[in-house]
Protein backbone atom coordinates (compact mmCIF):
# COMPACT_ATOMS: atom_id res chain seq x y z
CA MET A 1 -21.71 21.64 -13.64
CA ILE A 2 -20.32 24.26 -16.07
CA ARG A 3 -19.18 27.74 -15.12
CA ALA A 4 -17.50 30.45 -17.20
CA LYS A 5 -15.46 33.59 -16.70
CA ARG A 6 -14.38 36.29 -19.12
CA LEU A 7 -10.61 36.56 -19.50
CA ASP A 8 -10.54 40.35 -20.03
CA ASN A 9 -12.36 41.48 -16.92
CA GLY A 10 -12.86 38.35 -14.78
CA GLN A 11 -16.64 38.58 -14.88
CA ASP A 12 -18.59 35.39 -14.08
CA LEU A 13 -20.90 34.39 -16.89
CA GLU A 14 -23.73 31.96 -17.50
CA TRP A 15 -22.13 29.95 -20.28
CA THR A 16 -24.23 29.82 -23.40
CA GLY A 17 -21.69 28.52 -25.88
CA GLN A 18 -19.08 31.31 -25.94
CA SER A 19 -15.67 30.10 -27.17
CA GLU A 20 -13.52 33.28 -27.38
CA GLY A 21 -11.93 35.28 -24.61
CA ILE A 22 -13.29 32.94 -21.98
CA TRP A 23 -12.41 30.30 -19.43
CA VAL A 24 -14.93 27.51 -19.19
CA ASP A 25 -14.63 25.17 -16.15
CA ALA A 26 -16.63 21.89 -16.21
CA HIS A 27 -16.93 19.57 -13.23
CA ASP A 28 -18.03 16.00 -13.94
CA PRO A 29 -20.04 17.04 -17.04
CA THR A 30 -23.17 15.17 -17.90
CA PRO A 31 -23.54 13.77 -21.46
CA GLU A 32 -25.72 16.76 -22.39
CA GLU A 33 -23.13 19.25 -21.00
CA LEU A 34 -20.37 17.35 -22.78
CA ALA A 35 -22.28 17.63 -26.08
CA ARG A 36 -22.55 21.42 -25.53
CA LEU A 37 -18.83 21.68 -24.95
CA ARG A 38 -18.02 19.72 -28.07
CA ALA A 39 -20.32 21.87 -30.07
CA ALA A 40 -18.59 25.00 -28.90
CA PHE A 41 -14.95 23.81 -28.89
CA PRO A 42 -13.12 21.65 -31.42
CA LEU A 43 -12.00 19.05 -28.84
CA ASN A 44 -9.59 16.35 -30.05
CA ARG A 45 -11.16 12.93 -29.47
CA LEU A 46 -8.04 11.42 -27.92
CA ALA A 47 -7.53 14.32 -25.54
CA LEU A 48 -11.17 14.21 -24.49
CA GLU A 49 -10.93 10.44 -23.78
CA ASP A 50 -7.84 11.09 -21.58
CA ALA A 51 -9.60 13.93 -19.73
CA LEU A 52 -12.65 11.78 -18.94
CA GLU A 53 -10.77 8.64 -17.95
CA ARG A 54 -10.51 8.33 -14.17
CA GLY A 55 -7.03 7.63 -12.81
CA HIS A 56 -5.21 8.80 -15.95
CA TRP A 57 -1.56 9.83 -15.43
CA SER A 58 -0.18 13.32 -16.02
CA ARG A 59 0.65 13.99 -19.69
CA ALA A 60 0.62 16.74 -22.31
CA GLU A 61 0.22 16.87 -26.08
CA GLN A 62 0.00 19.44 -28.84
CA TYR A 63 -2.96 18.55 -31.14
CA PRO A 64 -3.91 20.38 -34.28
CA GLU A 65 -6.99 21.78 -32.54
CA HIS A 66 -5.43 22.84 -29.23
CA ALA A 67 -2.81 22.15 -26.64
CA PHE A 68 -3.69 19.65 -23.95
CA ILE A 69 -2.32 18.82 -20.51
CA THR A 70 -3.67 16.75 -17.64
CA VAL A 71 -2.00 16.87 -14.19
CA ARG A 72 -2.63 14.80 -11.01
CA SER A 73 -2.06 16.21 -7.55
CA PHE A 74 -3.05 15.37 -3.93
CA THR A 75 -6.51 16.11 -2.70
CA ARG A 76 -5.35 17.17 0.80
CA PRO A 77 -1.74 18.26 0.57
CA ALA A 78 -1.71 19.80 4.09
CA ASP A 79 -2.81 16.43 5.56
CA PRO A 80 -1.61 14.02 2.84
CA ASP A 81 -2.96 10.59 2.16
CA GLU A 82 -3.22 8.41 -0.94
CA PHE A 83 -6.20 10.29 -2.47
CA THR A 84 -5.50 12.40 -5.52
CA GLU A 85 -7.36 14.71 -7.88
CA ARG A 86 -6.86 15.49 -11.53
CA MET A 87 -7.26 18.61 -13.75
CA SER A 88 -7.31 18.56 -17.57
CA LEU A 89 -6.73 21.72 -19.62
CA PHE A 90 -7.64 22.33 -23.31
CA VAL A 91 -5.69 25.42 -24.25
CA PHE A 92 -6.91 27.37 -27.27
CA PRO A 93 -5.39 30.61 -28.57
CA HIS A 94 -8.10 32.72 -26.93
CA ALA A 95 -9.90 30.33 -24.58
CA VAL A 96 -9.33 27.72 -21.92
CA LEU A 97 -11.46 24.70 -21.09
CA SER A 98 -10.77 22.88 -17.84
CA LEU A 99 -12.27 19.49 -17.01
CA SER A 100 -12.19 17.74 -13.62
CA HIS A 101 -14.39 15.38 -11.67
CA THR A 102 -14.92 17.39 -8.47
CA GLY A 103 -12.68 20.40 -8.96
CA THR A 104 -9.15 20.84 -7.64
CA LEU A 105 -7.38 23.11 -5.18
CA ALA A 106 -5.62 24.80 -8.11
CA LEU A 107 -8.90 25.59 -9.87
CA THR A 108 -10.36 27.11 -6.74
CA ALA A 109 -7.21 29.22 -6.09
CA VAL A 110 -6.93 30.61 -9.61
CA TRP A 111 -10.63 31.22 -10.37
CA ASP A 112 -10.62 34.58 -8.56
CA LEU A 113 -7.37 35.71 -10.20
CA VAL A 114 -8.74 35.82 -13.73
CA GLY A 115 -9.26 39.31 -15.08
CA ARG A 116 -6.47 40.93 -13.09
CA GLU A 117 -3.59 42.63 -14.85
CA SER A 118 -1.34 39.56 -14.99
CA VAL A 119 -4.04 36.91 -15.72
CA ASN A 120 -6.09 37.81 -18.77
CA THR A 121 -5.04 35.39 -21.54
CA ALA A 122 -5.45 31.70 -22.06
CA GLN A 123 -1.74 31.01 -21.64
CA GLU A 124 -1.58 33.08 -18.43
CA VAL A 125 -4.53 31.14 -16.98
CA THR A 126 -2.81 27.90 -17.91
CA TYR A 127 0.39 28.99 -16.21
CA GLU A 128 -1.39 30.04 -13.01
CA LEU A 129 -3.27 26.70 -12.85
CA LEU A 130 -0.06 24.69 -13.26
CA ASP A 131 1.83 26.93 -10.80
CA ALA A 132 -0.96 26.58 -8.23
CA THR A 133 -0.73 22.79 -8.72
CA ALA A 134 2.96 22.93 -8.09
CA ASP A 135 2.28 24.94 -4.90
CA THR A 136 0.17 22.08 -3.57
CA PHE A 137 3.17 19.79 -3.87
CA PHE A 138 5.22 22.24 -1.79
CA GLN A 139 2.47 22.15 0.83
CA LEU A 140 2.67 18.39 0.62
CA GLY A 141 6.45 18.55 1.13
CA ASP A 142 6.03 20.74 4.27
CA ALA A 143 3.48 18.33 5.74
CA LEU A 144 5.62 15.26 5.04
CA GLU A 145 8.69 17.00 6.42
CA GLY A 146 6.78 17.63 9.68
CA ARG A 147 5.95 13.91 9.89
CA VAL A 148 9.58 12.94 9.26
CA GLU A 149 10.79 15.31 12.03
CA ALA A 150 8.23 13.83 14.42
CA LEU A 151 9.52 10.30 13.58
CA GLU A 152 13.10 11.45 14.13
CA GLU A 153 12.22 12.80 17.54
CA GLN A 154 10.39 9.57 18.36
CA VAL A 155 13.44 7.45 17.47
CA PHE A 156 15.70 9.40 19.83
CA ARG A 157 13.27 10.03 22.71
CA ASP A 158 11.19 6.89 22.95
CA GLN A 159 13.60 3.95 22.91
CA ARG A 160 10.77 1.42 23.16
CA SER A 161 8.83 2.70 20.14
CA ASN A 162 8.87 0.90 16.82
CA PRO A 163 8.80 3.43 13.98
CA VAL A 164 9.31 0.82 11.18
CA GLY A 165 5.69 0.78 10.22
CA PRO A 166 5.23 4.62 10.04
CA VAL A 167 8.54 4.91 8.21
CA PHE A 168 7.47 2.48 5.43
CA GLU A 169 4.04 4.15 5.23
CA LEU A 170 5.72 7.51 4.69
CA LYS A 171 8.13 6.02 2.17
CA HIS A 172 5.16 4.72 0.22
CA LEU A 173 3.48 8.14 0.29
CA LEU A 174 6.73 9.91 -0.69
CA GLY A 175 7.19 7.45 -3.60
CA GLN A 176 3.65 8.25 -4.84
CA ALA A 177 4.27 12.01 -4.47
CA ARG A 178 7.59 11.77 -6.25
CA ARG A 179 6.01 9.89 -9.16
CA LEU A 180 3.17 12.43 -9.50
CA ALA A 181 5.58 15.39 -9.33
CA SER A 182 7.88 13.87 -11.93
CA GLU A 183 4.99 13.12 -14.31
CA ALA A 184 3.72 16.71 -13.90
CA ARG A 185 7.19 18.06 -14.59
CA GLU A 186 7.49 16.04 -17.81
CA ALA A 187 4.03 17.09 -18.91
CA THR A 188 4.76 20.75 -18.28
CA ALA A 189 8.09 20.52 -20.11
CA LEU A 190 6.37 18.91 -23.15
CA LEU A 191 3.67 21.64 -23.14
CA GLY A 192 6.30 24.33 -23.04
CA ARG A 193 8.19 22.83 -25.94
CA HIS A 194 5.23 22.54 -28.26
CA ALA A 195 2.77 25.19 -27.10
CA ASN A 196 2.08 28.06 -29.48
CA GLY A 197 2.69 31.03 -27.17
CA THR A 198 4.87 34.04 -26.79
CA SER A 199 8.36 33.94 -25.38
CA ALA A 200 6.95 35.18 -22.09
CA ASP A 201 4.53 32.19 -22.06
CA LEU A 202 7.42 29.78 -22.61
CA VAL A 203 9.33 31.38 -19.71
CA ARG A 204 6.32 30.81 -17.51
CA TYR A 205 6.11 27.17 -18.46
CA ARG A 206 9.84 26.70 -17.65
CA ASP A 207 9.20 28.37 -14.27
CA VAL A 208 6.50 25.79 -13.50
CA GLN A 209 8.79 23.01 -14.68
CA ASP A 210 11.51 24.28 -12.33
CA SER A 211 8.97 24.28 -9.48
CA PHE A 212 8.12 20.62 -10.10
CA THR A 213 11.83 19.80 -10.34
CA ARG A 214 12.57 21.43 -6.99
CA VAL A 215 9.72 19.66 -5.25
CA SER A 216 10.84 16.31 -6.76
CA SER A 217 14.35 16.92 -5.36
CA ARG A 218 12.89 17.81 -1.98
CA LEU A 219 10.79 14.61 -1.89
CA ASP A 220 13.88 12.59 -2.92
CA GLY A 221 15.79 14.16 0.00
CA LEU A 222 12.97 13.23 2.44
CA ARG A 223 12.89 9.66 1.12
CA ASP A 224 16.65 9.31 1.58
CA PHE A 225 16.45 10.80 5.07
CA LEU A 226 13.79 8.21 5.99
CA THR A 227 16.10 5.45 4.82
CA SER A 228 18.90 6.85 6.96
CA LEU A 229 16.46 7.16 9.90
CA LEU A 230 15.44 3.58 9.59
CA ASP A 231 19.11 2.50 9.49
CA LEU A 232 19.76 4.67 12.55
CA HIS A 233 16.84 3.04 14.41
CA LEU A 234 18.09 -0.46 13.61
CA ASN A 235 21.65 0.52 14.76
CA LEU A 236 20.28 1.91 18.01
CA GLN A 237 18.27 -1.25 18.55
CA SER A 238 21.39 -3.31 17.94
CA GLN A 239 23.37 -1.21 20.32
CA ARG A 240 20.76 -1.57 23.04
CA MET A 241 20.69 -5.33 22.46
CA ASN A 242 24.49 -5.38 22.83
CA GLU A 243 24.25 -3.53 26.11
CA VAL A 244 21.70 -6.01 27.40
CA MET A 245 23.78 -8.94 26.35
CA ARG A 246 26.83 -7.44 27.94
CA THR A 247 24.99 -6.97 31.27
CA LEU A 248 23.65 -10.54 31.17
CA THR A 249 27.15 -11.82 30.42
CA ALA A 250 28.54 -9.90 33.38
CA VAL A 251 25.89 -11.36 35.68
CA SER A 252 26.60 -14.88 34.32
CA VAL A 253 30.35 -14.40 34.93
CA ILE A 254 29.72 -13.30 38.49
CA PHE A 255 27.65 -16.39 39.31
CA LEU A 256 29.90 -18.77 37.50
CA PRO A 257 32.59 -19.07 40.26
CA LEU A 258 29.88 -19.04 42.92
CA THR A 259 28.23 -21.98 41.21
CA PHE A 260 31.63 -23.76 41.06
CA LEU A 261 32.24 -23.26 44.81
CA ALA A 262 28.71 -24.32 45.68
CA GLY A 263 29.18 -27.47 43.59
CA VAL A 264 32.53 -28.34 45.26
CA TRP A 265 31.14 -27.96 48.79
CA GLY A 266 28.02 -29.85 47.88
CA MET A 267 29.82 -33.08 47.00
CA ASN A 268 29.64 -34.31 50.67
CA PHE A 269 32.90 -36.28 50.79
CA GLU A 270 33.60 -37.70 54.23
CA HIS A 271 37.01 -36.06 54.69
CA MET A 272 36.13 -32.46 53.61
CA PRO A 273 37.37 -30.35 56.51
CA GLU A 274 34.91 -27.56 55.82
CA LEU A 275 31.97 -29.85 56.58
CA LYS A 276 33.12 -30.47 60.18
CA SER A 277 34.10 -26.86 60.91
CA PRO A 278 31.65 -24.83 62.97
CA TYR A 279 32.46 -21.82 60.71
CA GLY A 280 32.12 -23.64 57.44
CA TYR A 281 28.72 -22.17 56.51
CA LEU A 282 29.91 -18.64 57.38
CA PHE A 283 33.14 -19.21 55.42
CA ALA A 284 31.15 -20.30 52.40
CA TRP A 285 28.95 -17.21 52.44
CA LEU A 286 31.94 -14.92 52.97
CA SER A 287 33.65 -16.57 50.00
CA PHE A 288 30.55 -16.09 47.84
CA ALA A 289 30.33 -12.41 48.87
CA ALA A 290 33.99 -11.76 48.31
CA VAL A 291 34.25 -13.33 44.88
CA GLY A 292 30.89 -11.85 43.73
CA GLY A 293 31.76 -8.40 45.07
CA VAL A 294 35.22 -8.28 43.48
CA LEU A 295 33.77 -9.28 40.11
CA ALA A 296 30.90 -6.81 40.42
CA VAL A 297 33.23 -3.94 41.21
CA TYR A 298 35.51 -4.89 38.32
CA PHE A 299 32.67 -4.95 35.76
CA LYS A 300 31.31 -1.67 37.11
CA ARG A 301 34.60 0.02 36.58
CA ARG A 302 34.70 -1.39 33.05
CA GLY A 303 31.27 0.04 32.39
CA TRP A 304 29.64 -3.26 31.66
CA TRP A 305 26.51 -2.31 33.66
């Protein structure tokens, strides 16, 4: 599918090969549509191959025919998973060609902005598209931060829960997000260094680069916090295990002298006076209760249970 919009007034057009003052957006173009695009725009062969290749990483390049940048982002940043989308831009002095497989959130957000006072040149459209892509990473950061806070609450509230699996899953997702944001930052920086634009255009590209830098730092902070949260969980588990072992040790110490007394009185020697006494059985139980009680009170005061 190919759609087009004039840059000066934002009017939607049926594209018939125009290549000046226009933004052409192509989604998963057919061979016939691709041939029409190549006939209208001088597309560099290497840039076109990168744009059509699925799974290509973010990168930028200044070719003799045009500037080129391709950027990957998450398909559902508000509910993030491992699925990503990619947008490729061919930036000409007075036109922009965007290629994607199914469209992106940034393309949808910027499409209606074209023609307004601040978005009516090819460089301004490029900036808005990259800035909207950076915004999706901030949405991703908000969503991941919410998940991290939920895990933190789970660690402190539910002592029987095991957050190790969710923590490593989030760390994997954060690592992927951090890599995509870093690649997008480097691509934007390269585009800003080599793009043929005004000083205002270069300032815009630096602004987008700063946005990707901030989101990368935020994702790094979340990943470090997850590492600290995992260490805290392991420390809490170790502390609980120590408390259990201390309680079991106290119980064992209480029963140790009782076992000793029971063993002595169970030897059945002929001249043991306690065996002939009518109060021997009662005396044994009183001894057990006294020794066990004294030890129990002592351990309770020491806080061992």
